[in-house]
PDB file of N, CA and C in Angstrom:
ATOM      1  N   UNK A   1      88.344  81.378 111.041  1.00  0.00           N
ATOM      2  CA  UNK A   1      88.616  80.143 110.347  1.00  0.00           C
ATOM      3  C   UNK A   1      87.559  79.945 109.265  1.00  0.00           C
ATOM      4  N   UNK A   2      87.897  79.094 108.331  1.00  0.00           N
ATOM      5  CA  UNK A   2      87.026  78.869 107.174  1.00  0.00           C
ATOM      6  C   UNK A   2      86.745  77.383 107.037  1.00  0.00           C
ATOM      7  N   UNK A   3      85.497  77.049 106.704  1.00  0.00           N
ATOM      8  CA  UNK A   3      85.125  75.667 106.422  1.00  0.00           C
ATOM      9  C   UNK A   3      84.465  75.613 105.048  1.00  0.00           C
ATOM     10  N   UNK A   4      84.807  74.606 104.288  1.00  0.00           N
ATOM     11  CA  UNK A   4      84.312  74.469 102.920  1.00  0.00           C
ATOM     12  C   UNK A   4      83.074  73.579 102.863  1.00  0.00           C
ATOM     13  N   UNK A   5      82.133  73.983 102.030  1.00  0.00           N
ATOM     14  CA  UNK A   5      80.911  73.205 101.803  1.00  0.00           C
ATOM     15  C   UNK A   5      80.802  72.857 100.325  1.00  0.00           C
ATOM     16  N   UNK A   6      81.861  72.280  99.774  1.00  0.00           N
ATOM     17  CA  UNK A   6      81.921  71.987  98.344  1.00  0.00           C
ATOM     18  C   UNK A   6      80.786  71.068  97.889  1.00  0.00           C
ATOM     19  N   UNK A   7      80.479  70.035  98.664  1.00  0.00           N
ATOM     20  CA  UNK A   7      79.429  69.090  98.264  1.00  0.00           C
ATOM     21  C   UNK A   7      78.031  69.544  98.664  1.00  0.00           C
ATOM     22  N   UNK A   8      77.959  70.523  99.548  1.00  0.00           N
ATOM     23  CA  UNK A   8      76.651  70.900 100.112  1.00  0.00           C
ATOM     24  C   UNK A   8      76.445  72.413 100.134  1.00  0.00           C
ATOM     25  N   UNK A   9      76.946  73.095  99.133  1.00  0.00           N
ATOM     26  CA  UNK A   9      76.804  74.545  99.069  1.00  0.00           C
ATOM     27  C   UNK A   9      75.334  74.959  99.109  1.00  0.00           C
ATOM     28  N   UNK A  10      74.505  74.324  98.291  1.00  0.00           N
ATOM     29  CA  UNK A  10      73.085  74.698  98.246  1.00  0.00           C
ATOM     30  C   UNK A  10      72.404  74.471  99.582  1.00  0.00           C
ATOM     31  N   UNK A  11      72.696  73.348 100.230  1.00  0.00           N
ATOM     32  CA  UNK A  11      72.094  73.035 101.526  1.00  0.00           C
ATOM     33  C   UNK A  11      72.538  74.038 102.588  1.00  0.00           C
ATOM     34  N   UNK A  12      73.827  74.432 102.550  1.00  0.00           N
ATOM     35  CA  UNK A  12      74.299  75.448 103.490  1.00  0.00           C
ATOM     36  C   UNK A  12      73.579  76.769 103.257  1.00  0.00           C
ATOM     37  N   UNK A  13      73.541  77.204 102.004  1.00  0.00           N
ATOM     38  CA  UNK A  13      72.919  78.494 101.685  1.00  0.00           C
ATOM     39  C   UNK A  13      71.434  78.517 102.039  1.00  0.00           C
ATOM     40  N   UNK A  14      70.766  77.372 101.925  1.00  0.00           N
ATOM     41  CA  UNK A  14      69.344  77.283 102.273  1.00  0.00           C
ATOM     42  C   UNK A  14      69.125  77.218 103.781  1.00  0.00           C
ATOM     43  N   UNK A  15      70.207  77.027 104.544  1.00  0.00           N
ATOM     44  CA  UNK A  15      70.095  76.949 106.002  1.00  0.00           C
ATOM     45  C   UNK A  15      69.611  75.609 106.516  1.00  0.00           C
ATOM     46  N   UNK A  16      69.547  74.584 105.643  1.00  0.00           N
ATOM     47  CA  UNK A  16      69.089  73.266 106.107  1.00  0.00           C
ATOM     48  C   UNK A  16      70.239  72.396 106.583  1.00  0.00           C
ATOM     49  N   UNK A  17      71.458  72.767 106.246  1.00  0.00           N
ATOM     50  CA  UNK A  17      72.630  72.031 106.735  1.00  0.00           C
ATOM     51  C   UNK A  17      73.105  72.706 108.004  1.00  0.00           C
ATOM     52  N   UNK A  18      73.032  71.992 109.112  1.00  0.00           N
ATOM     53  CA  UNK A  18      73.440  72.538 110.407  1.00  0.00           C
ATOM     54  C   UNK A  18      74.454  71.650 111.120  1.00  0.00           C
ATOM     55  N   UNK A  19      74.908  70.612 110.445  1.00  0.00           N
ATOM     56  CA  UNK A  19      75.977  69.748 110.955  1.00  0.00           C
ATOM     57  C   UNK A  19      76.868  69.379 109.784  1.00  0.00           C
ATOM     58  N   UNK A  20      78.137  69.166 110.094  1.00  0.00           N
ATOM     59  CA  UNK A  20      79.050  68.630 109.099  1.00  0.00           C
ATOM     60  C   UNK A  20      80.039  67.707 109.782  1.00  0.00           C
ATOM     61  N   UNK A  21      80.353  66.625 109.112  1.00  0.00           N
ATOM     62  CA  UNK A  21      81.321  65.657 109.615  1.00  0.00           C
ATOM     63  C   UNK A  21      82.563  65.740 108.745  1.00  0.00           C
ATOM     64  N   UNK A  22      83.709  65.787 109.422  1.00  0.00           N
ATOM     65  CA  UNK A  22      84.980  65.974 108.728  1.00  0.00           C
ATOM     66  C   UNK A  22      86.009  64.972 109.215  1.00  0.00           C
ATOM     67  N   UNK A  23      86.810  64.489 108.280  1.00  0.00           N
ATOM     68  CA  UNK A  23      87.903  63.572 108.594  1.00  0.00           C
ATOM     69  C   UNK A  23      89.161  64.410 108.838  1.00  0.00           C
ATOM     70  N   UNK A  24      89.125  65.164 109.933  1.00  0.00           N
ATOM     71  CA  UNK A  24      90.184  66.106 110.251  1.00  0.00           C
ATOM     72  C   UNK A  24      91.321  65.450 111.021  1.00  0.00           C
ATOM     73  N   UNK A  25      92.476  66.089 110.950  1.00  0.00           N
ATOM     74  CA  UNK A  25      93.585  65.693 111.804  1.00  0.00           C
ATOM     75  C   UNK A  25      93.268  66.132 113.231  1.00  0.00           C
ATOM     76  N   UNK A  26      93.966  65.544 114.183  1.00  0.00           N
ATOM     77  CA  UNK A  26      93.781  65.942 115.588  1.00  0.00           C
ATOM     78  C   UNK A  26      94.082  67.430 115.754  1.00  0.00           C
ATOM     79  N   UNK A  27      95.064  67.928 115.023  1.00  0.00           N
ATOM     80  CA  UNK A  27      95.452  69.337 115.127  1.00  0.00           C
ATOM     81  C   UNK A  27      94.312  70.258 114.671  1.00  0.00           C
ATOM     82  N   UNK A  28      93.664  69.926 113.556  1.00  0.00           N
ATOM     83  CA  UNK A  28      92.573  70.760 113.054  1.00  0.00           C
ATOM     84  C   UNK A  28      91.395  70.730 114.017  1.00  0.00           C
ATOM     85  N   UNK A  29      91.064  69.545 114.531  1.00  0.00           N
ATOM     86  CA  UNK A  29      89.976  69.455 115.509  1.00  0.00           C
ATOM     87  C   UNK A  29      90.295  70.299 116.736  1.00  0.00           C
ATOM     88  N   UNK A  30      91.521  70.227 117.235  1.00  0.00           N
ATOM     89  CA  UNK A  30      91.909  71.043 118.402  1.00  0.00           C
ATOM     90  C   UNK A  30      91.755  72.528 118.106  1.00  0.00           C
ATOM     91  N   UNK A  31      92.097  72.960 116.889  1.00  0.00           N
ATOM     92  CA  UNK A  31      91.966  74.380 116.541  1.00  0.00           C
ATOM     93  C   UNK A  31      90.510  74.814 116.623  1.00  0.00           C
ATOM     94  N   UNK A  32      89.590  73.981 116.117  1.00  0.00           N
ATOM     95  CA  UNK A  32      88.168  74.318 116.181  1.00  0.00           C
ATOM     96  C   UNK A  32      87.652  74.231 117.613  1.00  0.00           C
ATOM     97  N   UNK A  33      88.135  73.287 118.401  1.00  0.00           N
ATOM     98  CA  UNK A  33      87.742  73.202 119.806  1.00  0.00           C
ATOM     99  C   UNK A  33      88.265  74.408 120.575  1.00  0.00           C
ATOM    100  N   UNK A  34      89.485  74.824 120.291  1.00  0.00           N
ATOM    101  CA  UNK A  34      90.040  76.006 120.945  1.00  0.00           C
ATOM    102  C   UNK A  34      89.230  77.251 120.603  1.00  0.00           C
ATOM    103  N   UNK A  35      88.795  77.355 119.358  1.00  0.00           N
ATOM    104  CA  UNK A  35      87.956  78.494 118.976  1.00  0.00           C
ATOM    105  C   UNK A  35      86.690  78.511 119.827  1.00  0.00           C
ATOM    106  N   UNK A  36      86.050  77.353 119.981  1.00  0.00           N
ATOM    107  CA  UNK A  36      84.843  77.254 120.820  1.00  0.00           C
ATOM    108  C   UNK A  36      85.172  77.651 122.259  1.00  0.00           C
ATOM    109  N   UNK A  37      86.248  77.076 122.797  1.00  0.00           N
ATOM    110  CA  UNK A  37      86.625  77.331 124.192  1.00  0.00           C
ATOM    111  C   UNK A  37      86.914  78.812 124.446  1.00  0.00           C
ATOM    112  N   UNK A  38      87.412  79.508 123.430  1.00  0.00           N
ATOM    113  CA  UNK A  38      87.757  80.918 123.559  1.00  0.00           C
ATOM    114  C   UNK A  38      86.595  81.836 123.184  1.00  0.00           C
ATOM    115  N   UNK A  39      85.462  81.246 122.849  1.00  0.00           N
ATOM    116  CA  UNK A  39      84.295  82.059 122.506  1.00  0.00           C
ATOM    117  C   UNK A  39      84.309  82.611 121.091  1.00  0.00           C
ATOM    118  N   UNK A  40      85.203  82.111 120.262  1.00  0.00           N
ATOM    119  CA  UNK A  40      85.239  82.518 118.850  1.00  0.00           C
ATOM    120  C   UNK A  40      84.297  81.595 118.089  1.00  0.00           C
ATOM    121  N   UNK A  41      83.041  81.973 118.015  1.00  0.00           N
ATOM    122  CA  UNK A  41      82.005  81.087 117.499  1.00  0.00           C
ATOM    123  C   UNK A  41      81.618  81.362 116.054  1.00  0.00           C
ATOM    124  N   UNK A  42      81.941  82.533 115.524  1.00  0.00           N
ATOM    125  CA  UNK A  42      81.568  82.873 114.162  1.00  0.00           C
ATOM    126  C   UNK A  42      82.736  82.648 113.213  1.00  0.00           C
ATOM    127  N   UNK A  43      82.444  81.947 112.105  1.00  0.00           N
ATOM    128  CA  UNK A  43      83.476  81.577 111.142  1.00  0.00           C
ATOM    129  C   UNK A  43      82.929  81.726 109.731  1.00  0.00           C
ATOM    130  N   UNK A  44      83.824  81.699 108.773  1.00  0.00           N
ATOM    131  CA  UNK A  44      83.454  81.865 107.372  1.00  0.00           C
ATOM    132  C   UNK A  44      83.155  80.515 106.726  1.00  0.00           C
ATOM    133  N   UNK A  45      82.279  80.533 105.722  1.00  0.00           N
ATOM    134  CA  UNK A  45      81.949  79.356 104.932  1.00  0.00           C
ATOM    135  C   UNK A  45      82.344  79.634 103.492  1.00  0.00           C
ATOM    136  N   UNK A  46      82.917  78.621 102.824  1.00  0.00           N
ATOM    137  CA  UNK A  46      83.326  78.759 101.422  1.00  0.00           C
ATOM    138  C   UNK A  46      82.651  77.680 100.588  1.00  0.00           C
ATOM    139  N   UNK A  47      82.567  77.934  99.281  1.00  0.00           N
ATOM    140  CA  UNK A  47      81.956  76.950  98.394  1.00  0.00           C
ATOM    141  C   UNK A  47      82.930  75.826  98.038  1.00  0.00           C
ATOM    142  N   UNK A  48      84.209  76.064  98.232  1.00  0.00           N
ATOM    143  CA  UNK A  48      85.249  75.045  98.134  1.00  0.00           C
ATOM    144  C   UNK A  48      86.506  75.669  98.717  1.00  0.00           C
ATOM    145  N   UNK A  49      87.542  74.879  98.873  1.00  0.00           N
ATOM    146  CA  UNK A  49      88.767  75.399  99.457  1.00  0.00           C
ATOM    147  C   UNK A  49      89.264  76.638  98.715  1.00  0.00           C
ATOM    148  N   UNK A  50      89.674  77.642  99.456  1.00  0.00           N
ATOM    149  CA  UNK A  50      90.149  78.873  98.827  1.00  0.00           C
ATOM    150  C   UNK A  50      91.374  78.610  97.968  1.00  0.00           C
ATOM    151  N   UNK A  51      92.181  77.621  98.353  1.00  0.00           N
ATOM    152  CA  UNK A  51      93.368  77.267  97.582  1.00  0.00           C
ATOM    153  C   UNK A  51      92.991  76.635  96.240  1.00  0.00           C
ATOM    154  N   UNK A  52      91.726  76.243  96.079  1.00  0.00           N
ATOM    155  CA  UNK A  52      91.215  75.673  94.819  1.00  0.00           C
ATOM    156  C   UNK A  52      90.362  76.675  94.059  1.00  0.00           C
ATOM    157  N   UNK A  53      90.449  77.937  94.423  1.00  0.00           N
ATOM    158  CA  UNK A  53      89.659  78.954  93.740  1.00  0.00           C
ATOM    159  C   UNK A  53      88.285  79.173  94.343  1.00  0.00           C
ATOM    160  N   UNK A  54      88.068  78.676  95.553  1.00  0.00           N
ATOM    161  CA  UNK A  54      86.780  78.853  96.214  1.00  0.00           C
ATOM    162  C   UNK A  54      86.537  80.297  96.614  1.00  0.00           C
ATOM    163  N   UNK A  55      85.272  80.561  96.942  1.00  0.00           N
ATOM    164  CA  UNK A  55      84.914  81.907  97.397  1.00  0.00           C
ATOM    165  C   UNK A  55      84.077  81.804  98.669  1.00  0.00           C
ATOM    166  N   UNK A  56      84.104  82.857  99.447  1.00  0.00           N
ATOM    167  CA  UNK A  56      83.321  82.919 100.678  1.00  0.00           C
ATOM    168  C   UNK A  56      81.846  83.041 100.299  1.00  0.00           C
ATOM    169  N   UNK A  57      81.003  82.185 100.902  1.00  0.00           N
ATOM    170  CA  UNK A  57      79.574  82.185 100.588  1.00  0.00           C
ATOM    171  C   UNK A  57      78.701  82.556 101.784  1.00  0.00           C
ATOM    172  N   UNK A  58      79.312  82.725 102.943  1.00  0.00           N
ATOM    173  CA  UNK A  58      78.525  83.084 104.111  1.00  0.00           C
ATOM    174  C   UNK A  58      79.298  82.922 105.398  1.00  0.00           C
ATOM    175  N   UNK A  59      78.531  82.984 106.479  1.00  0.00           N
ATOM    176  CA  UNK A  59      79.106  82.853 107.824  1.00  0.00           C
ATOM    177  C   UNK A  59      78.283  81.845 108.599  1.00  0.00           C
ATOM    178  N   UNK A  60      78.928  81.245 109.572  1.00  0.00           N
ATOM    179  CA  UNK A  60      78.237  80.306 110.450  1.00  0.00           C
ATOM    180  C   UNK A  60      78.608  80.601 111.881  1.00  0.00           C
ATOM    181  N   UNK A  61      77.733  80.134 112.776  1.00  0.00           N
ATOM    182  CA  UNK A  61      77.963  80.269 114.220  1.00  0.00           C
ATOM    183  C   UNK A  61      77.908  78.879 114.830  1.00  0.00           C
ATOM    184  N   UNK A  62      78.985  78.497 115.507  1.00  0.00           N
ATOM    185  CA  UNK A  62      79.012  77.195 116.181  1.00  0.00           C
ATOM    186  C   UNK A  62      77.933  77.147 117.255  1.00  0.00           C
ATOM    187  N   UNK A  63      77.252  76.008 117.364  1.00  0.00           N
ATOM    188  CA  UNK A  63      76.219  75.827 118.385  1.00  0.00           C
ATOM    189  C   UNK A  63      76.617  74.783 119.415  1.00  0.00           C
ATOM    190  N   UNK A  64      77.752  74.120 119.199  1.00  0.00           N
ATOM    191  CA  UNK A  64      78.271  73.119 120.138  1.00  0.00           C
ATOM    192  C   UNK A  64      79.775  72.997 119.916  1.00  0.00           C
ATOM    193  N   UNK A  65      80.460  72.519 120.926  1.00  0.00           N
ATOM    194  CA  UNK A  65      81.899  72.300 120.799  1.00  0.00           C
ATOM    195  C   UNK A  65      82.133  71.136 119.842  1.00  0.00           C
ATOM    196  N   UNK A  66      82.961  71.317 118.825  1.00  0.00           N
ATOM    197  CA  UNK A  66      83.245  70.209 117.912  1.00  0.00           C
ATOM    198  C   UNK A  66      83.816  69.003 118.664  1.00  0.00           C
ATOM    199  N   UNK A  67      83.335  67.826 118.284  1.00  0.00           N
ATOM    200  CA  UNK A  67      83.744  66.587 118.948  1.00  0.00           C
ATOM    201  C   UNK A  67      83.978  65.499 117.913  1.00  0.00           C
ATOM    202  N   UNK A  68      84.568  64.401 118.377  1.00  0.00           N
ATOM    203  CA  UNK A  68      84.690  63.204 117.559  1.00  0.00           C
ATOM    204  C   UNK A  68      83.520  62.288 117.869  1.00  0.00           C
ATOM    205  N   UNK A  69      82.875  61.762 116.836  1.00  0.00           N
ATOM    206  CA  UNK A  69      81.773  60.818 117.016  1.00  0.00           C
ATOM    207  C   UNK A  69      81.857  59.770 115.918  1.00  0.00           C
ATOM    208  N   UNK A  70      81.578  58.496 116.249  1.00  0.00           N
ATOM    209  CA  UNK A  70      81.551  57.480 115.193  1.00  0.00           C
ATOM    210  C   UNK A  70      80.351  57.704 114.273  1.00  0.00           C
ATOM    211  N   UNK A  71      80.546  57.439 113.007  1.00  0.00           N
ATOM    212  CA  UNK A  71      79.443  57.587 112.054  1.00  0.00           C
ATOM    213  C   UNK A  71      78.256  56.708 112.438  1.00  0.00           C
ATOM    214  N   UNK A  72      78.517  55.582 113.083  1.00  0.00           N
ATOM    215  CA  UNK A  72      77.452  54.644 113.459  1.00  0.00           C
ATOM    216  C   UNK A  72      76.440  55.251 114.426  1.00  0.00           C
ATOM    217  N   UNK A  73      76.794  56.350 115.091  1.00  0.00           N
ATOM    218  CA  UNK A  73      75.879  56.957 116.061  1.00  0.00           C
ATOM    219  C   UNK A  73      74.967  58.014 115.429  1.00  0.00           C
ATOM    220  N   UNK A  74      75.091  58.205 114.127  1.00  0.00           N
ATOM    221  CA  UNK A  74      74.231  59.185 113.462  1.00  0.00           C
ATOM    222  C   UNK A  74      72.768  58.743 113.555  1.00  0.00           C
ATOM    223  N   UNK A  75      71.901  59.723 113.755  1.00  0.00           N
ATOM    224  CA  UNK A  75      70.462  59.477 113.839  1.00  0.00           C
ATOM    225  C   UNK A  75      69.786  60.045 112.590  1.00  0.00           C
ATOM    226  N   UNK A  76      68.490  59.821 112.483  1.00  0.00           N
ATOM    227  CA  UNK A  76      67.734  60.418 111.378  1.00  0.00           C
ATOM    228  C   UNK A  76      67.851  61.945 111.432  1.00  0.00           C
ATOM    229  N   UNK A  77      67.845  62.503 112.640  1.00  0.00           N
ATOM    230  CA  UNK A  77      67.989  63.952 112.790  1.00  0.00           C
ATOM    231  C   UNK A  77      69.372  64.415 112.321  1.00  0.00           C
ATOM    232  N   UNK A  78      70.402  63.626 112.604  1.00  0.00           N
ATOM    233  CA  UNK A  78      71.755  63.962 112.152  1.00  0.00           C
ATOM    234  C   UNK A  78      71.840  63.951 110.632  1.00  0.00           C
ATOM    235  N   UNK A  79      71.235  62.927 110.025  1.00  0.00           N
ATOM    236  CA  UNK A  79      71.246  62.835 108.562  1.00  0.00           C
ATOM    237  C   UNK A  79      70.538  64.038 107.937  1.00  0.00           C
ATOM    238  N   UNK A  80      69.432  64.459 108.535  1.00  0.00           N
ATOM    239  CA  UNK A  80      68.719  65.637 108.044  1.00  0.00           C
ATOM    240  C   UNK A  80      69.569  66.898 108.237  1.00  0.00           C
ATOM    241  N   UNK A  81      70.226  67.015 109.389  1.00  0.00           N
ATOM    242  CA  UNK A  81      71.057  68.184 109.682  1.00  0.00           C
ATOM    243  C   UNK A  81      72.283  68.248 108.775  1.00  0.00           C
ATOM    244  N   UNK A  82      72.686  67.107 108.234  1.00  0.00           N
ATOM    245  CA  UNK A  82      73.794  67.068 107.273  1.00  0.00           C
ATOM    246  C   UNK A  82      73.370  67.605 105.910  1.00  0.00           C
ATOM    247  N   UNK A  83      72.105  67.916 105.762  1.00  0.00           N
ATOM    248  CA  UNK A  83      71.602  68.473 104.519  1.00  0.00           C
ATOM    249  C   UNK A  83      70.607  67.584 103.814  1.00  0.00           C
ATOM    250  N   UNK A  84      70.412  66.369 104.363  1.00  0.00           N
ATOM    251  CA  UNK A  84      69.407  65.476 103.813  1.00  0.00           C
ATOM    252  C   UNK A  84      69.797  64.759 102.536  1.00  0.00           C
ATOM    253  N   UNK A  85      71.096  64.723 102.202  1.00  0.00           N
ATOM    254  CA  UNK A  85      71.513  64.043 100.974  1.00  0.00           C
ATOM    255  C   UNK A  85      71.415  62.530 101.091  1.00  0.00           C
ATOM    256  N   UNK A  86      71.461  62.019 102.304  1.00  0.00           N
ATOM    257  CA  UNK A  86      71.449  60.575 102.534  1.00  0.00           C
ATOM    258  C   UNK A  86      70.330  60.214 103.501  1.00  0.00           C
ATOM    259  N   UNK A  87      69.643  59.115 103.199  1.00  0.00           N
ATOM    260  CA  UNK A  87      68.527  58.674 104.037  1.00  0.00           C
ATOM    261  C   UNK A  87      68.968  57.729 105.137  1.00  0.00           C
ATOM    262  N   UNK A  88      70.124  57.090 104.961  1.00  0.00           N
ATOM    263  CA  UNK A  88      70.585  56.095 105.942  1.00  0.00           C
ATOM    264  C   UNK A  88      72.056  56.314 106.251  1.00  0.00           C
ATOM    265  N   UNK A  89      72.476  55.765 107.389  1.00  0.00           N
ATOM    266  CA  UNK A  89      73.889  55.842 107.768  1.00  0.00           C
ATOM    267  C   UNK A  89      74.766  55.119 106.746  1.00  0.00           C
ATOM    268  N   UNK A  90      74.399  53.909 106.274  1.00  0.00           N
ATOM    269  CA  UNK A  90      75.234  53.278 105.244  1.00  0.00           C
ATOM    270  C   UNK A  90      75.380  54.147 103.987  1.00  0.00           C
ATOM    271  N   UNK A  91      74.312  54.834 103.590  1.00  0.00           N
ATOM    272  CA  UNK A  91      74.407  55.741 102.440  1.00  0.00           C
ATOM    273  C   UNK A  91      75.402  56.865 102.728  1.00  0.00           C
ATOM    274  N   UNK A  92      75.348  57.416 103.932  1.00  0.00           N
ATOM    275  CA  UNK A  92      76.263  58.492 104.301  1.00  0.00           C
ATOM    276  C   UNK A  92      77.704  57.985 104.315  1.00  0.00           C
ATOM    277  N   UNK A  93      77.900  56.787 104.861  1.00  0.00           N
ATOM    278  CA  UNK A  93      79.245  56.204 104.900  1.00  0.00           C
ATOM    279  C   UNK A  93      79.805  56.032 103.491  1.00  0.00           C
ATOM    280  N   UNK A  94      78.970  55.602 102.557  1.00  0.00           N
ATOM    281  CA  UNK A  94      79.409  55.481 101.163  1.00  0.00           C
ATOM    282  C   UNK A  94      79.758  56.855 100.592  1.00  0.00           C
ATOM    283  N   UNK A  95      78.948  57.856 100.905  1.00  0.00           N
ATOM    284  CA  UNK A  95      79.199  59.211 100.405  1.00  0.00           C
ATOM    285  C   UNK A  95      80.559  59.726 100.857  1.00  0.00           C
ATOM    286  N   UNK A  96      80.884  59.509 102.131  1.00  0.00           N
ATOM    287  CA  UNK A  96      82.151  60.036 102.668  1.00  0.00           C
ATOM    288  C   UNK A  96      83.296  59.039 102.567  1.00  0.00           C
ATOM    289  N   UNK A  97      83.000  57.831 102.097  1.00  0.00           N
ATOM    290  CA  UNK A  97      84.045  56.833 101.895  1.00  0.00           C
ATOM    291  C   UNK A  97      84.675  56.319 103.171  1.00  0.00           C
ATOM    292  N   UNK A  98      83.865  56.195 104.218  1.00  0.00           N
ATOM    293  CA  UNK A  98      84.379  55.747 105.516  1.00  0.00           C
ATOM    294  C   UNK A  98      83.468  54.669 106.085  1.00  0.00           C
ATOM    295  N   UNK A  99      84.025  53.759 106.900  1.00  0.00           N
ATOM    296  CA  UNK A  99      83.189  52.751 107.553  1.00  0.00           C
ATOM    297  C   UNK A  99      82.389  53.378 108.690  1.00  0.00           C
ATOM    298  N   UNK A 100      81.308  52.726 109.083  1.00  0.00           N
ATOM    299  CA  UNK A 100      80.452  53.232 110.162  1.00  0.00           C
ATOM    300  C   UNK A 100      81.208  53.377 111.478  1.00  0.00           C
ATOM    301  N   UNK A 101      82.274  52.617 111.656  1.00  0.00           N
ATOM    302  CA  UNK A 101      83.057  52.686 112.899  1.00  0.00           C
ATOM    303  C   UNK A 101      83.977  53.903 112.952  1.00  0.00           C
ATOM    304  N   UNK A 102      84.158  54.593 111.838  1.00  0.00           N
ATOM    305  CA  UNK A 102      85.079  55.732 111.767  1.00  0.00           C
ATOM    306  C   UNK A 102      84.593  56.884 112.636  1.00  0.00           C
ATOM    307  N   UNK A 103      85.479  57.385 113.490  1.00  0.00           N
ATOM    308  CA  UNK A 103      85.183  58.583 114.268  1.00  0.00           C
ATOM    309  C   UNK A 103      85.559  59.789 113.426  1.00  0.00           C
ATOM    310  N   UNK A 104      84.606  60.696 113.276  1.00  0.00           N
ATOM    311  CA  UNK A 104      84.859  61.912 112.515  1.00  0.00           C
ATOM    312  C   UNK A 104      84.512  63.127 113.363  1.00  0.00           C
ATOM    313  N   UNK A 105      85.164  64.228 113.049  1.00  0.00           N
ATOM    314  CA  UNK A 105      84.858  65.478 113.740  1.00  0.00           C
ATOM    315  C   UNK A 105      83.463  65.926 113.329  1.00  0.00           C
ATOM    316  N   UNK A 106      82.654  66.309 114.313  1.00  0.00           N
ATOM    317  CA  UNK A 106      81.303  66.794 114.060  1.00  0.00           C
ATOM    318  C   UNK A 106      81.241  68.261 114.468  1.00  0.00           C
ATOM    319  N   UNK A 107      80.838  69.091 113.511  1.00  0.00           N
ATOM    320  CA  UNK A 107      80.699  70.519 113.737  1.00  0.00           C
ATOM    321  C   UNK A 107      79.219  70.862 113.605  1.00  0.00           C
ATOM    322  N   UNK A 108      78.644  71.404 114.674  1.00  0.00           N
ATOM    323  CA  UNK A 108      77.237  71.813 114.670  1.00  0.00           C
ATOM    324  C   UNK A 108      77.187  73.337 114.633  1.00  0.00           C
ATOM    325  N   UNK A 109      76.298  73.877 113.799  1.00  0.00           N
ATOM    326  CA  UNK A 109      76.316  75.313 113.550  1.00  0.00           C
ATOM    327  C   UNK A 109      74.975  75.786 113.025  1.00  0.00           C
ATOM    328  N   UNK A 110      74.842  77.094 112.948  1.00  0.00           N
ATOM    329  CA  UNK A 110      73.722  77.742 112.260  1.00  0.00           C
ATOM    330  C   UNK A 110      74.305  78.724 111.270  1.00  0.00           C
ATOM    331  N   UNK A 111      73.699  78.829 110.091  1.00  0.00           N
ATOM    332  CA  UNK A 111      74.097  79.831 109.113  1.00  0.00           C
ATOM    333  C   UNK A 111      73.631  81.192 109.639  1.00  0.00           C
ATOM    334  N   UNK A 112      74.490  82.182 109.526  1.00  0.00           N
ATOM    335  CA  UNK A 112      74.127  83.541 109.961  1.00  0.00           C
ATOM    336  C   UNK A 112      74.268  84.511 108.798  1.00  0.00           C
TER     337      UNK A 112
END
């Protein structure tokens, strides 16, 4: 499977981005959870969606089963793991255009 890092390509490539939050459908989240459950932990990373002319920029390894978490539960460590673009949860919510109460899929990984 492939995940795009269009807004955080540099952070991914530098290895400082180790979490990503996505507004995925239940079906997409289940696909990533199934990959974890089946031991398929290594996936491709792209600089943007391949359907938009993106290219593969690396690989990642899941470090936890993807889950749904409300944005309001993000910590300073979570914000740093997101690449450090935002200093506060309200800033992150503005960046992703979602309220703090929104549950988003959280993918934790390491660049390989």
